[in-house]
Amino acid sequence: MTGSGQPAPPPGWYPDPDGAPGLVRWWSGSAWSDVATPAGPGVAVQVSPQLAPRVPDVSFSSEPERPTSASGLRAGWVVGISLLVLVLVVGAGVLVGRTGSTESTETPEAEATVQQAPRPSGRSFPPGTVRIIDEASGISYPYLGDGWYEWDLDEQYETDRIAGQYFTTQEVTPDEGIFIAQCTSGPLVEGYGWAGPGTLQTTTAAIADSVRGNYYPSPNDRRVMRDEARTVDGHAAYLVEFQLSWQIPGYDATGERAALLLVDVGRPAPAQLYISIPNTHAELYGAIDQVLDAVDVP
């Protein structure tokens, strides 16, 4: 496909070959993926002269040049957080669960401005942050780095307090909320069947059902990937990891991988850790094990 007689560049994320600003596309080693996606946090974007975006033709005329229609580009559905260029950012929102209501303060003129610097999706962690210490729940886990913001959204149903990190993957969803990737924790609230270590499995299953019903487009299908007892820093724990999928117009993602870890930390309420990565950022699925393998009970 490269036509250069040289070996094809290795698989990876490369700038969109159609030149859409702020978007990347997956190169399999022989072909491009169908859909471009924003270059989100943790996306390792590669550069290859063979796969460089096409350069638009420049013609000289006595008449002013008309702007090229954006409909001619194979762009992704939503321009999100970009590590490559300055992109349009639609207004920030407030999340209830995973998809909450938003109120945009942007005017149509502001929305049409594509040279604005992107606003942060949330507040940044203090410099030097390596781990998130959730004193309320009694666990700590890795901070995932630049592009992940300190939780400043609404509470969630399953915990009475919440700490952690997130970034926005879709600014406006069909229900006028936002969609996010998240890694959060908190003490479990009553009502999920917790009665000590012997109920870790049944309680985690109840939380997984709650999460699925509260925070994701419906209807959706669920495929359980891991359902197992674990030990976390010497404490009994239980893990459920699953893949959800849906086909609902208006959502960038058509699925998400999520993991729920419940840890008996020796308190009246166990600690719940919830990690979710939409399939628009599937290259970050490895963050799930990165966090699960490094949870501590201080």
Protein backbone atom coordinates (compact mmCIF):
# COMPACT_ATOMS: atom_id res chain seq x y z
CA MET A 1 0.00 0.00 0.00
CA THR A 2 2.91 2.33 0.63
CA GLY A 3 4.25 1.93 -2.90
CA SER A 4 7.79 2.77 -1.82
CA GLY A 5 9.36 -0.67 -2.06
CA GLN A 6 10.29 -0.42 1.61
CA PRO A 7 8.88 -2.59 4.41
CA ALA A 8 5.52 -1.36 5.62
CA PRO A 9 5.60 0.63 8.87
CA PRO A 10 4.75 -1.39 11.99
CA PRO A 11 1.20 -1.47 13.38
CA GLY A 12 0.27 1.44 15.61
CA TRP A 13 -1.49 4.79 15.90
CA TYR A 14 -0.51 7.36 13.24
CA PRO A 15 -1.82 10.85 12.36
CA ASP A 16 -5.01 10.56 10.34
CA PRO A 17 -3.99 9.99 6.70
CA ASP A 18 -6.75 12.36 5.56
CA GLY A 19 -5.18 15.13 7.60
CA ALA A 20 -8.04 15.64 10.06
CA PRO A 21 -6.53 17.76 12.86
CA GLY A 22 -6.18 16.09 16.25
CA LEU A 23 -7.24 12.65 15.05
CA VAL A 24 -5.32 9.41 14.71
CA ARG A 25 -6.08 6.20 12.89
CA TRP A 26 -4.95 2.61 13.56
CA TRP A 27 -2.54 1.15 10.99
CA SER A 28 -2.61 -2.68 11.08
CA GLY A 29 0.64 -3.03 9.16
CA SER A 30 -1.16 -3.30 5.84
CA ALA A 31 -4.35 -1.23 6.05
CA TRP A 32 -6.03 1.64 7.90
CA SER A 33 -8.93 1.26 10.30
CA ASP A 34 -12.27 2.63 9.09
CA VAL A 35 -12.75 5.25 11.81
CA ALA A 36 -10.39 7.91 13.12
CA THR A 37 -10.38 8.72 16.84
CA PRO A 38 -9.08 11.57 19.00
CA ALA A 39 -5.51 11.16 20.24
CA GLY A 40 -6.39 10.64 23.89
CA PRO A 41 -4.19 10.28 26.97
CA GLY A 42 -1.71 7.45 26.73
CA VAL A 43 -1.96 7.05 22.95
CA ALA A 44 1.53 6.52 21.60
CA VAL A 45 1.34 8.24 18.21
CA GLN A 46 3.99 7.12 15.74
CA VAL A 47 5.31 9.00 12.74
CA SER A 48 6.30 7.54 9.39
CA PRO A 49 7.07 9.36 6.13
CA GLN A 50 5.28 6.54 4.31
CA LEU A 51 2.09 7.15 6.30
CA ALA A 52 2.24 10.93 6.48
CA PRO A 53 -1.11 12.70 6.04
CA ARG A 54 -1.75 13.87 2.54
CA VAL A 55 -0.87 17.47 1.74
CA PRO A 56 -3.78 19.46 0.29
CA ASP A 57 -3.32 20.90 -3.17
CA VAL A 58 -2.56 24.62 -3.22
CA SER A 59 -3.81 26.53 -6.23
CA PHE A 60 -3.13 30.15 -7.02
CA SER A 61 -6.08 32.12 -8.30
CA SER A 62 -7.25 35.66 -8.44
CA GLU A 63 -10.35 34.57 -6.55
CA PRO A 64 -10.26 34.00 -2.79
CA GLU A 65 -9.93 30.37 -1.86
CA ARG A 66 -13.03 28.84 -0.35
CA PRO A 67 -12.69 26.70 2.78
CA THR A 68 -12.82 22.95 2.23
CA SER A 69 -15.96 21.34 3.62
CA ALA A 70 -15.34 19.24 6.71
CA SER A 71 -17.70 16.61 5.31
CA GLY A 72 -15.01 15.61 2.85
CA LEU A 73 -12.79 14.28 5.62
CA ARG A 74 -13.10 10.84 7.18
CA ALA A 75 -13.07 12.38 10.68
CA GLY A 76 -14.05 10.73 13.96
CA TRP A 77 -17.44 11.47 15.50
CA VAL A 78 -16.25 13.81 18.25
CA VAL A 79 -13.10 15.94 18.51
CA GLY A 80 -11.83 15.25 22.03
CA ILE A 81 -8.69 15.67 24.06
CA SER A 82 -5.73 16.04 21.68
CA LEU A 83 -2.08 15.47 22.33
CA LEU A 84 -1.10 16.57 18.85
CA VAL A 85 -2.72 19.88 17.95
CA LEU A 86 -5.07 22.54 19.23
CA VAL A 87 -8.63 21.39 18.71
CA LEU A 88 -12.18 22.48 19.35
CA VAL A 89 -13.51 21.61 22.76
CA VAL A 90 -17.24 21.75 23.33
CA GLY A 91 -18.29 22.92 26.82
CA ALA A 92 -17.41 20.92 29.93
CA GLY A 93 -20.22 19.07 31.71
CA VAL A 94 -21.38 17.58 34.99
CA LEU A 95 -21.68 13.81 35.18
CA VAL A 96 -24.34 11.85 37.02
CA GLY A 97 -23.05 8.31 37.06
CA ARG A 98 -21.20 7.92 33.80
CA THR A 99 -23.44 10.05 31.57
CA GLY A 100 -24.85 13.16 33.18
CA SER A 101 -26.38 16.41 32.08
CA THR A 102 -24.35 19.26 30.63
CA GLU A 103 -25.03 22.92 29.99
CA SER A 104 -22.97 24.42 27.19
CA THR A 105 -21.89 28.04 27.51
CA GLU A 106 -20.42 28.13 24.00
CA THR A 107 -21.99 30.29 21.31
CA PRO A 108 -22.23 29.01 17.72
CA GLU A 109 -19.40 31.41 16.84
CA ALA A 110 -17.20 29.92 19.57
CA GLU A 111 -18.02 26.38 18.47
CA ALA A 112 -16.82 27.21 14.97
CA THR A 113 -13.42 28.38 16.23
CA VAL A 114 -10.94 25.56 15.78
CA GLN A 115 -7.78 27.32 16.90
CA GLN A 116 -8.67 27.51 20.59
CA ALA A 117 -6.46 25.73 23.09
CA PRO A 118 -8.37 22.79 24.64
CA ARG A 119 -9.71 23.33 28.12
CA PRO A 120 -8.68 20.69 30.68
CA SER A 121 -11.30 18.04 31.38
CA GLY A 122 -10.79 18.43 35.11
CA ARG A 123 -8.34 19.51 37.74
CA SER A 124 -4.81 18.21 37.46
CA PHE A 125 -3.10 16.22 40.19
CA PRO A 126 -0.31 17.94 42.14
CA PRO A 127 3.14 17.66 40.54
CA GLY A 128 4.96 14.53 41.63
CA THR A 129 1.80 12.45 42.16
CA VAL A 130 2.57 8.76 41.74
CA ARG A 131 -0.28 7.07 43.62
CA ILE A 132 -3.85 7.93 44.55
CA ILE A 133 -4.41 7.36 48.25
CA ASP A 134 -8.09 6.94 49.05
CA GLU A 135 -8.22 7.29 52.80
CA ALA A 136 -12.00 6.96 52.91
CA SER A 137 -12.01 3.46 51.43
CA GLY A 138 -8.60 2.34 52.74
CA ILE A 139 -6.79 1.54 49.50
CA SER A 140 -4.26 3.16 47.17
CA TYR A 141 -3.44 2.55 43.50
CA PRO A 142 -1.33 4.03 40.67
CA TYR A 143 -1.94 7.43 39.12
CA LEU A 144 -2.06 6.76 35.38
CA GLY A 145 -0.23 9.90 34.29
CA ASP A 146 -0.71 13.00 32.17
CA GLY A 147 -4.15 13.36 30.65
CA TRP A 148 -5.90 11.75 33.62
CA TYR A 149 -7.60 14.27 35.89
CA GLU A 150 -8.53 14.20 39.54
CA TRP A 151 -12.16 13.19 40.07
CA ASP A 152 -14.33 16.30 40.36
CA LEU A 153 -17.61 14.96 38.99
CA ASP A 154 -20.72 13.77 40.82
CA GLU A 155 -21.01 10.94 43.32
CA GLN A 156 -21.95 7.46 42.14
CA TYR A 157 -24.61 5.15 43.45
CA GLU A 158 -22.39 2.38 44.80
CA THR A 159 -20.07 4.40 47.06
CA ASP A 160 -20.77 7.09 49.65
CA ARG A 161 -17.58 8.95 48.70
CA ILE A 162 -15.44 8.81 45.60
CA ALA A 163 -11.80 9.45 44.72
CA GLY A 164 -9.72 8.72 41.66
CA GLN A 165 -9.05 9.80 38.10
CA TYR A 166 -10.80 10.16 34.74
CA PHE A 167 -10.72 11.80 31.33
CA THR A 168 -13.52 12.69 28.95
CA THR A 169 -13.86 10.56 25.82
CA GLN A 170 -17.04 12.17 24.42
CA GLU A 171 -18.07 15.71 25.25
CA VAL A 172 -21.78 15.40 24.39
CA THR A 173 -23.78 12.16 24.44
CA PRO A 174 -27.36 11.63 23.22
CA ASP A 175 -28.67 12.19 26.77
CA GLU A 176 -26.74 15.50 26.91
CA GLY A 177 -24.10 14.14 29.25
CA ILE A 178 -20.45 13.23 28.80
CA PHE A 179 -18.74 9.86 28.44
CA ILE A 180 -15.54 9.10 30.33
CA ALA A 181 -12.79 6.63 31.09
CA GLN A 182 -12.35 6.30 34.83
CA CYS A 183 -10.44 4.66 37.66
CA THR A 184 -12.19 5.45 40.92
CA SER A 185 -12.71 4.08 44.41
CA GLY A 186 -14.76 4.53 47.54
CA PRO A 187 -16.39 2.76 50.50
CA LEU A 188 -19.32 0.58 49.44
CA VAL A 189 -22.76 1.80 50.54
CA GLU A 190 -25.35 -0.48 52.09
CA GLY A 191 -27.81 -2.35 49.92
CA TYR A 192 -25.55 -4.66 47.91
CA GLY A 193 -25.57 -7.62 50.28
CA TRP A 194 -22.29 -7.06 52.10
CA ALA A 195 -22.10 -9.18 55.27
CA GLY A 196 -18.39 -9.88 55.57
CA PRO A 197 -15.70 -11.71 53.55
CA GLY A 198 -18.04 -14.63 52.82
CA THR A 199 -20.18 -12.36 50.64
CA LEU A 200 -17.40 -10.87 48.49
CA GLN A 201 -18.47 -12.77 45.37
CA THR A 202 -22.21 -12.11 45.59
CA THR A 203 -21.70 -8.47 46.54
CA THR A 204 -19.33 -7.85 43.63
CA ALA A 205 -21.84 -9.44 41.25
CA ALA A 206 -24.57 -7.12 42.59
CA ILE A 207 -22.31 -4.08 42.08
CA ALA A 208 -21.54 -5.19 38.52
CA ASP A 209 -25.27 -5.36 37.75
CA SER A 210 -25.76 -1.89 39.25
CA VAL A 211 -22.92 -0.39 37.22
CA ARG A 212 -24.20 -1.95 34.02
CA GLY A 213 -27.71 -0.63 34.55
CA ASN A 214 -26.79 2.85 35.76
CA TYR A 215 -23.92 4.08 33.62
CA TYR A 216 -24.13 2.55 30.13
CA PRO A 217 -26.29 2.83 27.02
CA SER A 218 -29.08 0.26 26.99
CA PRO A 219 -29.70 -2.32 25.68
CA ASN A 220 -26.21 -3.76 25.92
CA ASP A 221 -24.58 -7.18 25.91
CA ARG A 222 -22.13 -8.32 28.58
CA ARG A 223 -19.30 -10.83 28.26
CA VAL A 224 -17.63 -11.76 31.54
CA MET A 225 -13.86 -12.01 31.17
CA ARG A 226 -12.75 -12.65 34.78
CA ASP A 227 -14.78 -13.70 37.81
CA GLU A 228 -12.35 -14.68 40.54
CA ALA A 229 -11.29 -14.43 44.14
CA ARG A 230 -8.05 -12.54 44.72
CA THR A 231 -5.75 -11.44 47.51
CA VAL A 232 -4.85 -7.75 47.64
CA ASP A 233 -1.94 -6.84 49.91
CA GLY A 234 -2.87 -9.75 52.20
CA HIS A 235 -6.60 -8.94 52.20
CA ALA A 236 -9.40 -11.03 50.70
CA ALA A 237 -10.85 -9.53 47.53
CA TYR A 238 -12.99 -10.39 44.54
CA LEU A 239 -12.70 -9.29 40.89
CA VAL A 240 -15.27 -9.18 38.10
CA GLU A 241 -14.11 -7.92 34.70
CA PHE A 242 -16.47 -7.71 31.74
CA GLN A 243 -16.84 -6.33 28.24
CA LEU A 244 -20.03 -4.47 27.34
CA SER A 245 -21.18 -3.81 23.78
CA TRP A 246 -24.03 -1.81 22.27
CA GLN A 247 -25.13 -0.32 18.97
CA ILE A 248 -26.84 2.97 19.78
CA PRO A 249 -26.62 6.02 17.50
CA GLY A 250 -24.93 9.08 18.91
CA TYR A 251 -22.32 7.34 21.05
CA ASP A 252 -18.71 7.36 19.90
CA ALA A 253 -18.05 4.11 21.75
CA THR A 254 -19.80 0.87 20.87
CA GLY A 255 -18.52 -0.88 23.97
CA GLU A 256 -16.43 -0.67 27.08
CA ARG A 257 -14.20 -2.88 29.22
CA ALA A 258 -14.78 -2.53 32.95
CA ALA A 259 -13.37 -4.12 36.10
CA LEU A 260 -14.77 -4.08 39.63
CA LEU A 261 -12.56 -5.05 42.54
CA LEU A 262 -14.01 -5.37 46.04
CA VAL A 263 -11.51 -5.55 48.91
CA ASP A 264 -12.21 -6.47 52.52
CA VAL A 265 -10.04 -3.84 54.20
CA GLY A 266 -11.13 -4.76 57.74
CA ARG A 267 -13.63 -1.92 58.00
CA PRO A 268 -17.43 -2.01 58.20
CA ALA A 269 -17.58 -1.24 54.47
CA PRO A 270 -15.31 -2.89 51.88
CA ALA A 271 -13.37 -0.79 49.37
CA GLN A 272 -14.66 -0.74 45.81
CA LEU A 273 -12.35 -0.03 42.87
CA TYR A 274 -13.97 0.61 39.49
CA ILE A 275 -11.98 0.88 36.23
CA SER A 276 -13.61 1.50 32.85
CA ILE A 277 -12.12 2.11 29.39
CA PRO A 278 -14.38 2.76 26.33
CA ASN A 279 -13.42 0.90 23.16
CA THR A 280 -12.64 4.24 21.48
CA HIS A 281 -9.47 4.04 23.60
CA ALA A 282 -8.88 0.28 23.50
CA GLU A 283 -5.13 0.88 23.43
CA LEU A 284 -5.49 1.76 27.14
CA TYR A 285 -7.01 -1.58 28.19
CA GLY A 286 -3.62 -2.46 29.69
CA ALA A 287 -4.20 0.20 32.37
CA ILE A 288 -6.70 -2.16 33.99
CA ASP A 289 -4.07 -4.73 34.95
CA GLN A 290 -1.58 -1.96 35.67
CA VAL A 291 -3.90 -0.73 38.42
CA LEU A 292 -5.21 -4.10 39.64
CA ASP A 293 -1.70 -5.49 40.11
CA ALA A 294 -0.60 -2.52 42.21
CA VAL A 295 -3.47 -1.96 44.67
CA ASP A 296 -2.29 -1.59 48.27
CA VAL A 297 -4.08 -1.46 51.62
CA PRO A 298 -2.07 1.16 53.58
